[in-house]
């Protein structure tokens, strides 16, 4: 069965990678899609984010990477996907994701959302937090896949 793990991945973190790896062990085909929301301001271009995700998952044989600027529900219709995987770190994530799940179901009645709880060691990790730490401290490297650290430092002019 094919599942979608969607996000902006600006940049991909070890928390994202952990969920992707766990999905790859549970499902036959995992499609990781970098969504580009034109109302958001990103540090990395969509193309850079796709390359960072590809670099992080290259050894996972049943994981493919794509990008899109359309609505998730429509993307799933077009790609015959019935399950979206969403990660939960905290109660606030659940509240947000519950609403998004309802919208997606409204737009695509065949779509189901599966929630996966973040591994405890990554329950605090967010892309925005990683970018903030990276401005001041090298310790951020423990929170991102190896291929991300160098480009993040370059983007920050460090």
Foldseek 3Di string as FASTA:
>chain_A
DEEEEEDQPLPPWVQNLVVVVVVLVVDQAYEYEREDAPVDDGLDDSVVRQVQVCVSCVVSVRYDYYYYHDDPLVVCVVVVHAEYEDEALDPVSVVVVVVVQVVSCVSHVSHHYDYDYTDPVCSPDDSVVLLVCLLPDPVSCVTHPVVPNVVSCVSSVD
